[in-house]
């Protein structure tokens, strides 16, 4: 029987470029980036605790730095609504500044 996986939405607000990049790199190993600092991760309980332990090791340098993890139950997942282009990830987008 396959392990049950749950959906977690993980966001971060980190002032240090170095720490922020390390967190993003780690999160890419567990889920997909849906916004610049937001990832959706489909994880078994074992993988969740593995990731959680890795995130705890990051030294958050500023008092306002944070990592937030939201667990979405099955009934909550059914209520997710997305407005806009869902095919494009942040890495695929081309940014033009005028």
PDB file of N, CA and C in Angstrom:
ATOM      1  N   UNK A   1       0.847  -1.188   0.000  1.00  0.00           N
ATOM      2  CA  UNK A   1       0.000   0.000   0.000  1.00  0.00           C
ATOM      3  C   UNK A   1       0.887   1.243   0.000  1.00  0.00           C
ATOM      4  N   UNK A   2       0.672   2.166  -0.953  1.00  0.00           N
ATOM      5  CA  UNK A   2       1.507   3.377  -1.008  1.00  0.00           C
ATOM      6  C   UNK A   2       1.260   4.274   0.200  1.00  0.00           C
ATOM      7  N   UNK A   3       2.302   4.991   0.565  1.00  0.00           N
ATOM      8  CA  UNK A   3       2.189   5.918   1.690  1.00  0.00           C
ATOM      9  C   UNK A   3       1.294   7.087   1.309  1.00  0.00           C
ATOM     10  N   UNK A   4       0.456   7.501   2.241  1.00  0.00           N
ATOM     11  CA  UNK A   4      -0.423   8.653   2.022  1.00  0.00           C
ATOM     12  C   UNK A   4       0.427   9.913   1.968  1.00  0.00           C
ATOM     13  N   UNK A   5       0.145  10.740   1.000  1.00  0.00           N
ATOM     14  CA  UNK A   5       0.841  12.015   0.875  1.00  0.00           C
ATOM     15  C   UNK A   5      -0.133  13.149   1.125  1.00  0.00           C
ATOM     16  N   UNK A   6       0.370  14.190   1.728  1.00  0.00           N
ATOM     17  CA  UNK A   6      -0.419  15.379   2.024  1.00  0.00           C
ATOM     18  C   UNK A   6       0.175  16.569   1.291  1.00  0.00           C
ATOM     19  N   UNK A   7      -0.652  17.565   1.070  1.00  0.00           N
ATOM     20  CA  UNK A   7      -0.194  18.779   0.397  1.00  0.00           C
ATOM     21  C   UNK A   7       0.190  19.819   1.442  1.00  0.00           C
ATOM     22  N   UNK A   8       1.370  20.378   1.270  1.00  0.00           N
ATOM     23  CA  UNK A   8       1.861  21.453   2.126  1.00  0.00           C
ATOM     24  C   UNK A   8       2.201  22.643   1.240  1.00  0.00           C
ATOM     25  N   UNK A   9       1.806  23.807   1.669  1.00  0.00           N
ATOM     26  CA  UNK A   9       2.203  25.040   1.008  1.00  0.00           C
ATOM     27  C   UNK A   9       3.244  25.676   1.920  1.00  0.00           C
ATOM     28  N   UNK A  10       4.415  25.923   1.356  1.00  0.00           N
ATOM     29  CA  UNK A  10       5.528  26.461   2.139  1.00  0.00           C
ATOM     30  C   UNK A  10       5.948  27.790   1.531  1.00  0.00           C
ATOM     31  N   UNK A  11       5.954  28.816   2.363  1.00  0.00           N
ATOM     32  CA  UNK A  11       6.372  30.141   1.906  1.00  0.00           C
ATOM     33  C   UNK A  11       7.474  30.643   2.827  1.00  0.00           C
ATOM     34  N   UNK A  12       8.249  31.563   2.303  1.00  0.00           N
ATOM     35  CA  UNK A  12       9.327  32.118   3.112  1.00  0.00           C
ATOM     36  C   UNK A  12       9.511  33.595   2.799  1.00  0.00           C
ATOM     37  N   UNK A  13       9.981  34.308   3.809  1.00  0.00           N
ATOM     38  CA  UNK A  13      10.313  35.724   3.687  1.00  0.00           C
ATOM     39  C   UNK A  13      11.649  35.882   4.398  1.00  0.00           C
ATOM     40  N   UNK A  14      12.720  35.885   3.629  1.00  0.00           N
ATOM     41  CA  UNK A  14      14.075  35.862   4.165  1.00  0.00           C
ATOM     42  C   UNK A  14      14.859  37.038   3.586  1.00  0.00           C
ATOM     43  N   UNK A  15      15.525  37.795   4.437  1.00  0.00           N
ATOM     44  CA  UNK A  15      16.249  38.983   3.971  1.00  0.00           C
ATOM     45  C   UNK A  15      17.604  38.655   3.340  1.00  0.00           C
ATOM     46  N   UNK A  16      18.253  37.610   3.766  1.00  0.00           N
ATOM     47  CA  UNK A  16      19.581  37.250   3.263  1.00  0.00           C
ATOM     48  C   UNK A  16      19.472  36.491   1.944  1.00  0.00           C
ATOM     49  N   UNK A  17      20.115  37.004   0.902  1.00  0.00           N
ATOM     50  CA  UNK A  17      20.109  36.315  -0.389  1.00  0.00           C
ATOM     51  C   UNK A  17      20.682  34.907  -0.264  1.00  0.00           C
ATOM     52  N   UNK A  18      21.755  34.762   0.481  1.00  0.00           N
ATOM     53  CA  UNK A  18      22.420  33.468   0.641  1.00  0.00           C
ATOM     54  C   UNK A  18      21.487  32.439   1.265  1.00  0.00           C
ATOM     55  N   UNK A  19      20.851  32.787   2.361  1.00  0.00           N
ATOM     56  CA  UNK A  19      19.941  31.871   3.049  1.00  0.00           C
ATOM     57  C   UNK A  19      18.701  31.618   2.199  1.00  0.00           C
ATOM     58  N   UNK A  20      18.163  32.664   1.603  1.00  0.00           N
ATOM     59  CA  UNK A  20      16.963  32.535   0.760  1.00  0.00           C
ATOM     60  C   UNK A  20      17.226  31.571  -0.399  1.00  0.00           C
ATOM     61  N   UNK A  21      18.386  31.680  -1.043  1.00  0.00           N
ATOM     62  CA  UNK A  21      18.716  30.789  -2.155  1.00  0.00           C
ATOM     63  C   UNK A  21      18.878  29.349  -1.700  1.00  0.00           C
ATOM     64  N   UNK A  22      19.454  29.149  -0.533  1.00  0.00           N
ATOM     65  CA  UNK A  22      19.613  27.789  -0.002  1.00  0.00           C
ATOM     66  C   UNK A  22      18.255  27.162   0.304  1.00  0.00           C
ATOM     67  N   UNK A  23      17.356  27.951   0.862  1.00  0.00           N
ATOM     68  CA  UNK A  23      16.006  27.453   1.170  1.00  0.00           C
ATOM     69  C   UNK A  23      15.286  27.094  -0.118  1.00  0.00           C
ATOM     70  N   UNK A  24      15.351  27.951  -1.122  1.00  0.00           N
ATOM     71  CA  UNK A  24      14.685  27.685  -2.399  1.00  0.00           C
ATOM     72  C   UNK A  24      15.253  26.428  -3.045  1.00  0.00           C
ATOM     73  N   UNK A  25      16.555  26.265  -3.006  1.00  0.00           N
ATOM     74  CA  UNK A  25      17.189  25.079  -3.580  1.00  0.00           C
ATOM     75  C   UNK A  25      16.707  23.816  -2.872  1.00  0.00           C
ATOM     76  N   UNK A  26      16.616  23.873  -1.560  1.00  0.00           N
ATOM     77  CA  UNK A  26      16.144  22.710  -0.795  1.00  0.00           C
ATOM     78  C   UNK A  26      14.681  22.407  -1.118  1.00  0.00           C
ATOM     79  N   UNK A  27      13.850  23.435  -1.183  1.00  0.00           N
ATOM     80  CA  UNK A  27      12.428  23.226  -1.462  1.00  0.00           C
ATOM     81  C   UNK A  27      12.196  22.659  -2.860  1.00  0.00           C
ATOM     82  N   UNK A  28      13.055  23.002  -3.815  1.00  0.00           N
ATOM     83  CA  UNK A  28      12.926  22.453  -5.176  1.00  0.00           C
ATOM     84  C   UNK A  28      13.081  20.939  -5.176  1.00  0.00           C
ATOM     85  N   UNK A  29      13.773  20.385  -4.183  1.00  0.00           N
ATOM     86  CA  UNK A  29      13.953  18.935  -4.081  1.00  0.00           C
ATOM     87  C   UNK A  29      12.696  18.236  -3.570  1.00  0.00           C
ATOM     88  N   UNK A  30      11.738  18.990  -3.048  1.00  0.00           N
ATOM     89  CA  UNK A  30      10.558  18.400  -2.422  1.00  0.00           C
ATOM     90  C   UNK A  30       9.238  18.788  -3.076  1.00  0.00           C
ATOM     91  N   UNK A  31       9.250  19.823  -3.882  1.00  0.00           N
ATOM     92  CA  UNK A  31       7.988  20.266  -4.460  1.00  0.00           C
ATOM     93  C   UNK A  31       8.196  21.170  -5.649  1.00  0.00           C
ATOM     94  N   UNK A  32       7.124  21.860  -6.018  1.00  0.00           N
ATOM     95  CA  UNK A  32       7.223  22.759  -7.173  1.00  0.00           C
ATOM     96  C   UNK A  32       6.974  24.193  -6.727  1.00  0.00           C
ATOM     97  N   UNK A  33       7.706  25.073  -7.359  1.00  0.00           N
ATOM     98  CA  UNK A  33       7.570  26.496  -7.072  1.00  0.00           C
ATOM     99  C   UNK A  33       6.347  27.016  -7.807  1.00  0.00           C
ATOM    100  N   UNK A  34       5.459  27.682  -7.067  1.00  0.00           N
ATOM    101  CA  UNK A  34       4.245  28.229  -7.677  1.00  0.00           C
ATOM    102  C   UNK A  34       4.233  29.751  -7.666  1.00  0.00           C
ATOM    103  N   UNK A  35       5.040  30.345  -6.840  1.00  0.00           N
ATOM    104  CA  UNK A  35       5.289  31.782  -6.801  1.00  0.00           C
ATOM    105  C   UNK A  35       6.753  31.927  -6.418  1.00  0.00           C
ATOM    106  N   UNK A  36       7.278  33.144  -6.464  1.00  0.00           N
ATOM    107  CA  UNK A  36       8.701  33.321  -6.196  1.00  0.00           C
ATOM    108  C   UNK A  36       9.118  32.703  -4.863  1.00  0.00           C
ATOM    109  N   UNK A  37       8.381  32.926  -3.807  1.00  0.00           N
ATOM    110  CA  UNK A  37       8.767  32.394  -2.495  1.00  0.00           C
ATOM    111  C   UNK A  37       7.706  31.455  -1.925  1.00  0.00           C
ATOM    112  N   UNK A  38       7.010  30.755  -2.820  1.00  0.00           N
ATOM    113  CA  UNK A  38       5.961  29.826  -2.393  1.00  0.00           C
ATOM    114  C   UNK A  38       6.114  28.510  -3.160  1.00  0.00           C
ATOM    115  N   UNK A  39       6.099  27.414  -2.410  1.00  0.00           N
ATOM    116  CA  UNK A  39       6.203  26.082  -2.988  1.00  0.00           C
ATOM    117  C   UNK A  39       5.017  25.241  -2.550  1.00  0.00           C
ATOM    118  N   UNK A  40       4.577  24.358  -3.424  1.00  0.00           N
ATOM    119  CA  UNK A  40       3.604  23.329  -3.078  1.00  0.00           C
ATOM    120  C   UNK A  40       4.350  22.001  -3.060  1.00  0.00           C
ATOM    121  N   UNK A  41       4.212  21.286  -1.947  1.00  0.00           N
ATOM    122  CA  UNK A  41       4.936  20.035  -1.782  1.00  0.00           C
ATOM    123  C   UNK A  41       3.961  18.917  -1.430  1.00  0.00           C
ATOM    124  N   UNK A  42       3.953  17.866  -2.226  1.00  0.00           N
ATOM    125  CA  UNK A  42       3.141  16.682  -1.987  1.00  0.00           C
ATOM    126  C   UNK A  42       4.053  15.684  -1.278  1.00  0.00           C
ATOM    127  N   UNK A  43       3.857  15.495   0.041  1.00  0.00           N
ATOM    128  CA  UNK A  43       4.824  14.754   0.848  1.00  0.00           C
ATOM    129  C   UNK A  43       4.176  13.690   1.720  1.00  0.00           C
ATOM    130  N   UNK A  44       4.871  12.571   1.855  1.00  0.00           N
ATOM    131  CA  UNK A  44       4.494  11.587   2.860  1.00  0.00           C
ATOM    132  C   UNK A  44       4.887  12.171   4.215  1.00  0.00           C
ATOM    133  N   UNK A  45       4.406  11.584   5.278  1.00  0.00           N
ATOM    134  CA  UNK A  45       4.755  12.069   6.614  1.00  0.00           C
ATOM    135  C   UNK A  45       6.268  11.999   6.831  1.00  0.00           C
ATOM    136  N   UNK A  46       6.875  10.934   6.356  1.00  0.00           N
ATOM    137  CA  UNK A  46       8.330  10.763   6.487  1.00  0.00           C
ATOM    138  C   UNK A  46       9.089  11.881   5.764  1.00  0.00           C
ATOM    139  N   UNK A  47       8.696  12.164   4.521  1.00  0.00           N
ATOM    140  CA  UNK A  47       9.354  13.227   3.745  1.00  0.00           C
ATOM    141  C   UNK A  47       9.103  14.601   4.365  1.00  0.00           C
ATOM    142  N   UNK A  48       7.898  14.813   4.902  1.00  0.00           N
ATOM    143  CA  UNK A  48       7.594  16.089   5.549  1.00  0.00           C
ATOM    144  C   UNK A  48       8.560  16.334   6.712  1.00  0.00           C
ATOM    145  N   UNK A  49       8.733  15.343   7.577  1.00  0.00           N
ATOM    146  CA  UNK A  49       9.616  15.532   8.730  1.00  0.00           C
ATOM    147  C   UNK A  49      11.079  15.655   8.313  1.00  0.00           C
ATOM    148  N   UNK A  50      11.442  15.001   7.231  1.00  0.00           N
ATOM    149  CA  UNK A  50      12.793  15.156   6.692  1.00  0.00           C
ATOM    150  C   UNK A  50      13.016  16.603   6.256  1.00  0.00           C
ATOM    151  N   UNK A  51      12.072  17.142   5.477  1.00  0.00           N
ATOM    152  CA  UNK A  51      12.169  18.527   5.019  1.00  0.00           C
ATOM    153  C   UNK A  51      12.110  19.497   6.187  1.00  0.00           C
ATOM    154  N   UNK A  52      11.192  19.265   7.108  1.00  0.00           N
ATOM    155  CA  UNK A  52      11.048  20.141   8.273  1.00  0.00           C
ATOM    156  C   UNK A  52      12.368  20.224   9.046  1.00  0.00           C
ATOM    157  N   UNK A  53      13.026  19.095   9.233  1.00  0.00           N
ATOM    158  CA  UNK A  53      14.316  19.074   9.922  1.00  0.00           C
ATOM    159  C   UNK A  53      15.370  19.877   9.177  1.00  0.00           C
ATOM    160  N   UNK A  54      15.379  19.783   7.858  1.00  0.00           N
ATOM    161  CA  UNK A  54      16.336  20.553   7.065  1.00  0.00           C
ATOM    162  C   UNK A  54      16.054  22.045   7.158  1.00  0.00           C
ATOM    163  N   UNK A  55      14.786  22.424   7.123  1.00  0.00           N
ATOM    164  CA  UNK A  55      14.441  23.843   7.211  1.00  0.00           C
ATOM    165  C   UNK A  55      14.783  24.421   8.582  1.00  0.00           C
ATOM    166  N   UNK A  56      14.666  23.612   9.626  1.00  0.00           N
ATOM    167  CA  UNK A  56      15.022  24.078  10.976  1.00  0.00           C
ATOM    168  C   UNK A  56      16.497  24.449  11.087  1.00  0.00           C
ATOM    169  N   UNK A  57      17.330  23.845  10.273  1.00  0.00           N
ATOM    170  CA  UNK A  57      18.777  24.070  10.352  1.00  0.00           C
ATOM    171  C   UNK A  57      19.217  25.396   9.744  1.00  0.00           C
ATOM    172  N   UNK A  58      18.324  26.031   8.966  1.00  0.00           N
ATOM    173  CA  UNK A  58      18.693  27.318   8.388  1.00  0.00           C
ATOM    174  C   UNK A  58      18.663  28.374   9.480  1.00  0.00           C
ATOM    175  N   UNK A  59      19.737  29.098   9.549  1.00  0.00           N
ATOM    176  CA  UNK A  59      19.839  30.150  10.560  1.00  0.00           C
ATOM    177  C   UNK A  59      19.121  31.384  10.011  1.00  0.00           C
ATOM    178  N   UNK A  60      17.989  31.694  10.585  1.00  0.00           N
ATOM    179  CA  UNK A  60      17.260  32.881  10.154  1.00  0.00           C
ATOM    180  C   UNK A  60      17.898  34.069  10.863  1.00  0.00           C
ATOM    181  N   UNK A  61      18.494  34.936  10.076  1.00  0.00           N
ATOM    182  CA  UNK A  61      19.375  35.977  10.606  1.00  0.00           C
ATOM    183  C   UNK A  61      18.652  37.182  11.164  1.00  0.00           C
ATOM    184  N   UNK A  62      17.499  37.479  10.680  1.00  0.00           N
ATOM    185  CA  UNK A  62      16.784  38.676  11.104  1.00  0.00           C
ATOM    186  C   UNK A  62      15.498  38.285  11.837  1.00  0.00           C
ATOM    187  N   UNK A  63      15.068  39.097  12.785  1.00  0.00           N
ATOM    188  CA  UNK A  63      13.844  38.772  13.532  1.00  0.00           C
ATOM    189  C   UNK A  63      12.604  38.660  12.651  1.00  0.00           C
ATOM    190  N   UNK A  64      12.592  39.365  11.526  1.00  0.00           N
ATOM    191  CA  UNK A  64      11.413  39.318  10.657  1.00  0.00           C
ATOM    192  C   UNK A  64      11.469  38.171   9.649  1.00  0.00           C
ATOM    193  N   UNK A  65      12.589  37.441   9.575  1.00  0.00           N
ATOM    194  CA  UNK A  65      12.690  36.288   8.682  1.00  0.00           C
ATOM    195  C   UNK A  65      11.735  35.192   9.139  1.00  0.00           C
ATOM    196  N   UNK A  66      11.122  34.514   8.170  1.00  0.00           N
ATOM    197  CA  UNK A  66      10.218  33.426   8.550  1.00  0.00           C
ATOM    198  C   UNK A  66      10.047  32.428   7.414  1.00  0.00           C
ATOM    199  N   UNK A  67       9.727  31.217   7.809  1.00  0.00           N
ATOM    200  CA  UNK A  67       9.295  30.161   6.897  1.00  0.00           C
ATOM    201  C   UNK A  67       7.943  29.711   7.435  1.00  0.00           C
ATOM    202  N   UNK A  68       6.952  29.675   6.572  1.00  0.00           N
ATOM    203  CA  UNK A  68       5.608  29.256   6.991  1.00  0.00           C
ATOM    204  C   UNK A  68       5.242  27.977   6.245  1.00  0.00           C
ATOM    205  N   UNK A  69       4.671  27.030   6.975  1.00  0.00           N
ATOM    206  CA  UNK A  69       4.253  25.765   6.399  1.00  0.00           C
ATOM    207  C   UNK A  69       2.763  25.589   6.677  1.00  0.00           C
ATOM    208  N   UNK A  70       1.998  25.440   5.611  1.00  0.00           N
ATOM    209  CA  UNK A  70       0.552  25.253   5.723  1.00  0.00           C
ATOM    210  C   UNK A  70       0.201  23.851   5.234  1.00  0.00           C
ATOM    211  N   UNK A  71      -0.432  23.081   6.092  1.00  0.00           N
ATOM    212  CA  UNK A  71      -0.927  21.765   5.716  1.00  0.00           C
ATOM    213  C   UNK A  71      -2.344  21.926   5.172  1.00  0.00           C
ATOM    214  N   UNK A  72      -2.611  21.344   4.011  1.00  0.00           N
ATOM    215  CA  UNK A  72      -3.950  21.406   3.435  1.00  0.00           C
ATOM    216  C   UNK A  72      -4.568  20.011   3.471  1.00  0.00           C
ATOM    217  N   UNK A  73      -5.625  19.866   4.244  1.00  0.00           N
ATOM    218  CA  UNK A  73      -6.325  18.584   4.328  1.00  0.00           C
ATOM    219  C   UNK A  73      -7.016  18.298   2.998  1.00  0.00           C
ATOM    220  N   UNK A  74      -7.493  17.075   2.837  1.00  0.00           N
ATOM    221  CA  UNK A  74      -8.130  16.688   1.575  1.00  0.00           C
ATOM    222  C   UNK A  74      -9.327  17.565   1.235  1.00  0.00           C
ATOM    223  N   UNK A  75     -10.154  17.879   2.223  1.00  0.00           N
ATOM    224  CA  UNK A  75     -11.325  18.719   1.918  1.00  0.00           C
ATOM    225  C   UNK A  75     -10.897  20.149   1.577  1.00  0.00           C
ATOM    226  N   UNK A  76      -9.820  20.634   2.193  1.00  0.00           N
ATOM    227  CA  UNK A  76      -9.315  21.973   1.860  1.00  0.00           C
ATOM    228  C   UNK A  76      -8.727  22.005   0.453  1.00  0.00           C
ATOM    229  N   UNK A  77      -8.044  20.948   0.072  1.00  0.00           N
ATOM    230  CA  UNK A  77      -7.445  20.885  -1.264  1.00  0.00           C
ATOM    231  C   UNK A  77      -8.501  21.024  -2.347  1.00  0.00           C
ATOM    232  N   UNK A  78      -9.678  20.468  -2.099  1.00  0.00           N
ATOM    233  CA  UNK A  78     -10.757  20.534  -3.080  1.00  0.00           C
ATOM    234  C   UNK A  78     -11.278  21.953  -3.249  1.00  0.00           C
ATOM    235  N   UNK A  79     -10.984  22.824  -2.289  1.00  0.00           N
ATOM    236  CA  UNK A  79     -11.465  24.201  -2.336  1.00  0.00           C
ATOM    237  C   UNK A  79     -10.450  25.173  -2.936  1.00  0.00           C
ATOM    238  N   UNK A  80      -9.296  24.670  -3.363  1.00  0.00           N
ATOM    239  CA  UNK A  80      -8.282  25.536  -3.958  1.00  0.00           C
ATOM    240  C   UNK A  80      -8.804  26.088  -5.278  1.00  0.00           C
ATOM    241  N   UNK A  81      -8.672  27.371  -5.463  1.00  0.00           N
ATOM    242  CA  UNK A  81      -9.055  28.033  -6.706  1.00  0.00           C
ATOM    243  C   UNK A  81      -7.846  28.824  -7.197  1.00  0.00           C
ATOM    244  N   UNK A  82      -7.588  28.730  -8.478  1.00  0.00           N
ATOM    245  CA  UNK A  82      -6.454  29.437  -9.074  1.00  0.00           C
ATOM    246  C   UNK A  82      -7.001  30.365 -10.147  1.00  0.00           C
ATOM    247  N   UNK A  83      -6.606  31.595 -10.080  1.00  0.00           N
ATOM    248  CA  UNK A  83      -6.992  32.579 -11.090  1.00  0.00           C
ATOM    249  C   UNK A  83      -5.725  32.957 -11.836  1.00  0.00           C
ATOM    250  N   UNK A  84      -5.752  32.848 -13.138  1.00  0.00           N
ATOM    251  CA  UNK A  84      -4.582  33.211 -13.923  1.00  0.00           C
ATOM    252  C   UNK A  84      -3.942  31.998 -14.562  1.00  0.00           C
ATOM    253  N   UNK A  85      -2.780  32.220 -15.115  1.00  0.00           N
ATOM    254  CA  UNK A  85      -2.051  31.204 -15.849  1.00  0.00           C
ATOM    255  C   UNK A  85      -1.437  30.200 -14.884  1.00  0.00           C
ATOM    256  N   UNK A  86      -1.888  28.954 -14.929  1.00  0.00           N
ATOM    257  CA  UNK A  86      -1.369  27.937 -14.023  1.00  0.00           C
ATOM    258  C   UNK A  86      -0.319  27.056 -14.683  1.00  0.00           C
ATOM    259  N   UNK A  87      -0.086  27.202 -15.966  1.00  0.00           N
ATOM    260  CA  UNK A  87       0.878  26.363 -16.673  1.00  0.00           C
ATOM    261  C   UNK A  87       2.304  26.853 -16.478  1.00  0.00           C
ATOM    262  N   UNK A  88       2.480  28.109 -16.193  1.00  0.00           N
ATOM    263  CA  UNK A  88       3.795  28.713 -16.104  1.00  0.00           C
ATOM    264  C   UNK A  88       4.284  28.709 -14.668  1.00  0.00           C
ATOM    265  N   UNK A  89       5.520  28.276 -14.481  1.00  0.00           N
ATOM    266  CA  UNK A  89       6.141  28.391 -13.169  1.00  0.00           C
ATOM    267  C   UNK A  89       7.043  29.611 -13.178  1.00  0.00           C
ATOM    268  N   UNK A  90       7.500  30.010 -12.024  1.00  0.00           N
ATOM    269  CA  UNK A  90       8.342  31.197 -11.922  1.00  0.00           C
ATOM    270  C   UNK A  90       9.605  31.039 -12.757  1.00  0.00           C
ATOM    271  N   UNK A  91      10.206  29.833 -12.751  1.00  0.00           N
ATOM    272  CA  UNK A  91      11.437  29.622 -13.504  1.00  0.00           C
ATOM    273  C   UNK A  91      11.242  29.777 -15.008  1.00  0.00           C
ATOM    274  N   UNK A  92      10.022  29.512 -15.494  1.00  0.00           N
ATOM    275  CA  UNK A  92       9.737  29.567 -16.920  1.00  0.00           C
ATOM    276  C   UNK A  92       9.375  30.958 -17.405  1.00  0.00           C
ATOM    277  N   UNK A  93       9.007  31.838 -16.503  1.00  0.00           N
ATOM    278  CA  UNK A  93       8.558  33.152 -16.910  1.00  0.00           C
ATOM    279  C   UNK A  93       9.731  34.051 -17.312  1.00  0.00           C
ATOM    280  N   UNK A  94       9.477  34.878 -18.271  1.00  0.00           N
ATOM    281  CA  UNK A  94      10.440  35.892 -18.653  1.00  0.00           C
ATOM    282  C   UNK A  94       9.999  37.201 -18.024  1.00  0.00           C
ATOM    283  N   UNK A  95      10.904  37.836 -17.305  1.00  0.00           N
ATOM    284  CA  UNK A  95      10.563  39.074 -16.622  1.00  0.00           C
ATOM    285  C   UNK A  95      11.153  40.226 -17.414  1.00  0.00           C
ATOM    286  N   UNK A  96      10.309  41.211 -17.698  1.00  0.00           N
ATOM    287  CA  UNK A  96      10.742  42.404 -18.422  1.00  0.00           C
ATOM    288  C   UNK A  96      10.428  43.602 -17.541  1.00  0.00           C
ATOM    289  N   UNK A  97      11.445  44.391 -17.239  1.00  0.00           N
ATOM    290  CA  UNK A  97      11.262  45.591 -16.419  1.00  0.00           C
ATOM    291  C   UNK A  97      11.352  46.799 -17.328  1.00  0.00           C
ATOM    292  N   UNK A  98      10.338  47.637 -17.292  1.00  0.00           N
ATOM    293  CA  UNK A  98      10.305  48.829 -18.158  1.00  0.00           C
ATOM    294  C   UNK A  98      10.487  50.055 -17.297  1.00  0.00           C
TER     295      UNK A  98
END
